[in-house]
Amino acid sequence: MSGHDTLIARAREAAAKAHAPYSGFHVGAAVEAADGTVVTGANMENACYRLGICAEQSALTAAQHAFGLKNVVRIAVAGGPLQDGAIAGSDVVTPCGGCRQAIYEAAALSGHDVEIVSASASGDSVEVRTISALLPSAFGPDALA
């Protein structure tokens, strides 16, 4: 398994633990530190929809606690709709706008153009981009200095 494959597998495992009773769309994220440490998170929906949390935010929170956002170098995101008890779908899952902003914040702290590995539910379809490609002209901490 390549480094991407391992990270995608961890994101897929996290997606299986998502709490998505309203949308049925399960997403998992795996955040990797510079030293290879990996933490995961999954989306957690709430009946008051706006109070839910995305997988990327969940995983970034775990990363802050485990090794600090300043050490984030790569994030894998995977998932899809729940169909017949299994997570399915052939489309890659990419971070939403809010999650892109949160990833950019980590990138600003780490000094790395954080790599985003977006995968389908099966992990067969994969796209790799950097946060600067996903969020060009980002507003970040330097704008507030």
C-alpha atoms as a PDB file:
ATOM      1  CA  MET A   1       0.000   0.000   0.000  1.00  0.00           C
ATOM      2  CA  SER A   2       1.228   3.484  -0.830  1.00  0.00           C
ATOM      3  CA  GLY A   3       1.080   6.322   1.679  1.00  0.00           C
ATOM      4  CA  HIS A   4      -2.038   7.614  -0.042  1.00  0.00           C
ATOM      5  CA  ASP A   5      -3.669   4.183   0.022  1.00  0.00           C
ATOM      6  CA  THR A   6      -3.079   3.838   3.751  1.00  0.00           C
ATOM      7  CA  LEU A   7      -4.438   7.317   4.470  1.00  0.00           C
ATOM      8  CA  ILE A   8      -7.474   6.696   2.244  1.00  0.00           C
ATOM      9  CA  ALA A   9      -8.118   3.396   4.050  1.00  0.00           C
ATOM     10  CA  ARG A  10      -8.101   5.238   7.377  1.00  0.00           C
ATOM     11  CA  ALA A  11     -10.523   7.854   5.998  1.00  0.00           C
ATOM     12  CA  ARG A  12     -12.826   5.101   4.714  1.00  0.00           C
ATOM     13  CA  GLU A  13     -12.756   3.396   8.132  1.00  0.00           C
ATOM     14  CA  ALA A  14     -13.686   6.711   9.735  1.00  0.00           C
ATOM     15  CA  ALA A  15     -16.569   7.204   7.281  1.00  0.00           C
ATOM     16  CA  ALA A  16     -18.038   3.927   8.469  1.00  0.00           C
ATOM     17  CA  LYS A  17     -18.265   5.485  11.950  1.00  0.00           C
ATOM     18  CA  ALA A  18     -20.072   8.647  10.802  1.00  0.00           C
ATOM     19  CA  HIS A  19     -23.399   9.675  12.312  1.00  0.00           C
ATOM     20  CA  ALA A  20     -25.393  10.717   9.244  1.00  0.00           C
ATOM     21  CA  PRO A  21     -29.043   9.729   9.834  1.00  0.00           C
ATOM     22  CA  TYR A  22     -30.466  12.719   7.947  1.00  0.00           C
ATOM     23  CA  SER A  23     -28.420  12.945   4.759  1.00  0.00           C
ATOM     24  CA  GLY A  24     -27.248   9.339   4.664  1.00  0.00           C
ATOM     25  CA  PHE A  25     -23.943  10.714   3.330  1.00  0.00           C
ATOM     26  CA  HIS A  26     -21.021   9.320   5.327  1.00  0.00           C
ATOM     27  CA  VAL A  27     -17.658  11.081   5.210  1.00  0.00           C
ATOM     28  CA  GLY A  28     -14.410  10.246   6.946  1.00  0.00           C
ATOM     29  CA  ALA A  29     -11.158  12.160   7.092  1.00  0.00           C
ATOM     30  CA  ALA A  30      -7.646  11.162   8.093  1.00  0.00           C
ATOM     31  CA  VAL A  31      -5.067  13.818   8.974  1.00  0.00           C
ATOM     32  CA  GLU A  32      -1.376  13.011   8.771  1.00  0.00           C
ATOM     33  CA  ALA A  33       1.376  14.794  10.676  1.00  0.00           C
ATOM     34  CA  ALA A  34       4.903  15.394   9.428  1.00  0.00           C
ATOM     35  CA  ASP A  35       6.115  12.457  11.559  1.00  0.00           C
ATOM     36  CA  GLY A  36       3.536  10.070  10.036  1.00  0.00           C
ATOM     37  CA  THR A  37       1.093  10.090  12.965  1.00  0.00           C
ATOM     38  CA  VAL A  38      -2.519   9.837  11.733  1.00  0.00           C
ATOM     39  CA  VAL A  39      -5.790  10.793  13.410  1.00  0.00           C
ATOM     40  CA  THR A  40      -9.292  10.453  12.001  1.00  0.00           C
ATOM     41  CA  GLY A  41     -12.729  12.002  12.222  1.00  0.00           C
ATOM     42  CA  ALA A  42     -16.168  11.570  10.692  1.00  0.00           C
ATOM     43  CA  ASN A  43     -19.168  13.746  10.012  1.00  0.00           C
ATOM     44  CA  MET A  44     -21.627  14.010  12.888  1.00  0.00           C
ATOM     45  CA  GLU A  45     -25.075  15.247  11.880  1.00  0.00           C
ATOM     46  CA  ASN A  46     -27.586  16.825  14.218  1.00  0.00           C
ATOM     47  CA  ALA A  47     -31.361  17.270  13.959  1.00  0.00           C
ATOM     48  CA  CYS A  48     -30.605  21.010  14.012  1.00  0.00           C
ATOM     49  CA  TYR A  49     -28.700  20.708  10.730  1.00  0.00           C
ATOM     50  CA  ARG A  50     -26.381  23.663  11.168  1.00  0.00           C
ATOM     51  CA  LEU A  51     -25.011  22.163  14.382  1.00  0.00           C
ATOM     52  CA  GLY A  52     -23.515  19.167  12.596  1.00  0.00           C
ATOM     53  CA  ILE A  53     -19.779  18.857  12.086  1.00  0.00           C
ATOM     54  CA  CYS A  54     -17.891  17.834   8.978  1.00  0.00           C
ATOM     55  CA  ALA A  55     -15.398  14.963   8.960  1.00  0.00           C
ATOM     56  CA  GLU A  56     -12.508  17.289   8.175  1.00  0.00           C
ATOM     57  CA  GLN A  57     -13.330  19.555  11.146  1.00  0.00           C
ATOM     58  CA  SER A  58     -13.656  16.500  13.378  1.00  0.00           C
ATOM     59  CA  ALA A  59     -10.280  15.159  12.233  1.00  0.00           C
ATOM     60  CA  LEU A  60      -8.565  18.547  12.501  1.00  0.00           C
ATOM     61  CA  THR A  61      -9.795  18.841  16.081  1.00  0.00           C
ATOM     62  CA  ALA A  62      -8.321  15.414  16.821  1.00  0.00           C
ATOM     63  CA  ALA A  63      -5.091  16.512  15.104  1.00  0.00           C
ATOM     64  CA  GLN A  64      -4.828  19.626  17.264  1.00  0.00           C
ATOM     65  CA  HIS A  65      -5.154  17.473  20.370  1.00  0.00           C
ATOM     66  CA  ALA A  66      -2.798  14.714  19.178  1.00  0.00           C
ATOM     67  CA  PHE A  67       0.042  16.640  17.558  1.00  0.00           C
ATOM     68  CA  GLY A  68      -0.941  20.241  16.823  1.00  0.00           C
ATOM     69  CA  LEU A  69      -2.165  21.821  13.613  1.00  0.00           C
ATOM     70  CA  LYS A  70       1.344  23.121  12.971  1.00  0.00           C
ATOM     71  CA  ASN A  71       2.353  19.549  12.088  1.00  0.00           C
ATOM     72  CA  VAL A  72      -0.377  18.790   9.512  1.00  0.00           C
ATOM     73  CA  VAL A  73       0.945  17.846   6.065  1.00  0.00           C
ATOM     74  CA  ARG A  74      -1.767  15.719   4.404  1.00  0.00           C
ATOM     75  CA  ILE A  75      -5.488  15.011   4.693  1.00  0.00           C
ATOM     76  CA  ALA A  76      -7.484  12.235   3.042  1.00  0.00           C
ATOM     77  CA  VAL A  77     -11.253  12.523   2.640  1.00  0.00           C
ATOM     78  CA  ALA A  78     -13.477   9.637   1.542  1.00  0.00           C
ATOM     79  CA  GLY A  79     -17.112   8.712   1.654  1.00  0.00           C
ATOM     80  CA  GLY A  80     -20.436   8.629  -0.080  1.00  0.00           C
ATOM     81  CA  PRO A  81     -24.103   7.848   0.375  1.00  0.00           C
ATOM     82  CA  LEU A  82     -25.228   4.910   2.470  1.00  0.00           C
ATOM     83  CA  GLN A  83     -26.909   2.362   0.182  1.00  0.00           C
ATOM     84  CA  ASP A  84     -28.129  -1.013   1.388  1.00  0.00           C
ATOM     85  CA  GLY A  85     -26.071  -0.715   4.559  1.00  0.00           C
ATOM     86  CA  ALA A  86     -22.797   0.114   2.813  1.00  0.00           C
ATOM     87  CA  ILE A  87     -21.099   3.366   1.861  1.00  0.00           C
ATOM     88  CA  ALA A  88     -21.207   3.597  -1.928  1.00  0.00           C
ATOM     89  CA  GLY A  89     -20.633   6.021  -4.762  1.00  0.00           C
ATOM     90  CA  SER A  90     -17.988   6.515  -7.388  1.00  0.00           C
ATOM     91  CA  ASP A  91     -17.563  10.291  -7.021  1.00  0.00           C
ATOM     92  CA  VAL A  92     -14.603  11.607  -5.070  1.00  0.00           C
ATOM     93  CA  VAL A  93     -15.454  13.540  -1.929  1.00  0.00           C
ATOM     94  CA  THR A  94     -13.796  16.926  -1.581  1.00  0.00           C
ATOM     95  CA  PRO A  95     -13.851  19.277   1.402  1.00  0.00           C
ATOM     96  CA  CYS A  96     -16.648  21.856   1.524  1.00  0.00           C
ATOM     97  CA  GLY A  97     -15.768  25.557   1.560  1.00  0.00           C
ATOM     98  CA  GLY A  98     -15.744  25.815   5.349  1.00  0.00           C
ATOM     99  CA  CYS A  99     -13.453  22.806   5.647  1.00  0.00           C
ATOM    100  CA  ARG A 100     -11.146  24.224   3.000  1.00  0.00           C
ATOM    101  CA  GLN A 101     -10.826  27.319   5.170  1.00  0.00           C
ATOM    102  CA  ALA A 102     -10.044  25.210   8.247  1.00  0.00           C
ATOM    103  CA  ILE A 103      -7.430  23.235   6.294  1.00  0.00           C
ATOM    104  CA  TYR A 104      -5.924  26.509   5.056  1.00  0.00           C
ATOM    105  CA  GLU A 105      -5.614  27.639   8.690  1.00  0.00           C
ATOM    106  CA  ALA A 106      -3.650  24.453   9.465  1.00  0.00           C
ATOM    107  CA  ALA A 107      -1.496  25.029   6.379  1.00  0.00           C
ATOM    108  CA  ALA A 108      -0.735  28.584   7.482  1.00  0.00           C
ATOM    109  CA  LEU A 109       0.406  27.258  10.867  1.00  0.00           C
ATOM    110  CA  SER A 110       2.420  24.365   9.447  1.00  0.00           C
ATOM    111  CA  GLY A 111       4.055  26.207   6.589  1.00  0.00           C
ATOM    112  CA  HIS A 112       3.087  23.308   4.285  1.00  0.00           C
ATOM    113  CA  ASP A 113       0.804  23.556   1.264  1.00  0.00           C
ATOM    114  CA  VAL A 114      -1.287  20.761   2.794  1.00  0.00           C
ATOM    115  CA  GLU A 115      -2.042  17.946   0.364  1.00  0.00           C
ATOM    116  CA  ILE A 116      -5.700  16.917   0.053  1.00  0.00           C
ATOM    117  CA  VAL A 117      -6.314  13.335  -1.079  1.00  0.00           C
ATOM    118  CA  SER A 118      -9.973  13.077  -2.131  1.00  0.00           C
ATOM    119  CA  ALA A 119     -11.378   9.586  -2.673  1.00  0.00           C
ATOM    120  CA  SER A 120     -14.605   7.858  -3.595  1.00  0.00           C
ATOM    121  CA  ALA A 121     -16.403   5.523  -1.209  1.00  0.00           C
ATOM    122  CA  SER A 122     -14.460   2.519  -2.524  1.00  0.00           C
ATOM    123  CA  GLY A 123     -11.172   4.403  -2.702  1.00  0.00           C
ATOM    124  CA  ASP A 124     -10.840   3.490  -6.388  1.00  0.00           C
ATOM    125  CA  SER A 125     -11.271   7.068  -7.659  1.00  0.00           C
ATOM    126  CA  VAL A 126      -8.728   9.487  -6.220  1.00  0.00           C
ATOM    127  CA  GLU A 127      -7.786  13.109  -6.847  1.00  0.00           C
ATOM    128  CA  VAL A 128      -4.801  14.782  -5.183  1.00  0.00           C
ATOM    129  CA  ARG A 129      -4.581  18.556  -4.855  1.00  0.00           C
ATOM    130  CA  THR A 130      -3.057  21.064  -2.461  1.00  0.00           C
ATOM    131  CA  ILE A 131      -5.056  23.423  -0.309  1.00  0.00           C
ATOM    132  CA  SER A 132      -3.773  26.384  -2.347  1.00  0.00           C
ATOM    133  CA  ALA A 133      -5.286  24.780  -5.474  1.00  0.00           C
ATOM    134  CA  LEU A 134      -8.611  24.133  -3.713  1.00  0.00           C
ATOM    135  CA  LEU A 135      -8.752  27.573  -2.065  1.00  0.00           C
ATOM    136  CA  PRO A 136      -6.869  30.137  -4.154  1.00  0.00           C
ATOM    137  CA  SER A 137      -6.538  33.671  -2.760  1.00  0.00           C
ATOM    138  CA  ALA A 138      -7.446  32.401   0.695  1.00  0.00           C
ATOM    139  CA  PHE A 139      -8.090  34.670   3.660  1.00  0.00           C
ATOM    140  CA  GLY A 140      -5.944  33.558   6.558  1.00  0.00           C
ATOM    141  CA  PRO A 141      -4.130  34.557   9.714  1.00  0.00           C
ATOM    142  CA  ASP A 142      -1.654  36.754   7.830  1.00  0.00           C
ATOM    143  CA  ALA A 143      -4.534  39.014   6.756  1.00  0.00           C
ATOM    144  CA  LEU A 144      -5.215  39.794  10.405  1.00  0.00           C
ATOM    145  CA  ALA A 145      -1.619  40.651  11.315  1.00  0.00           C
END
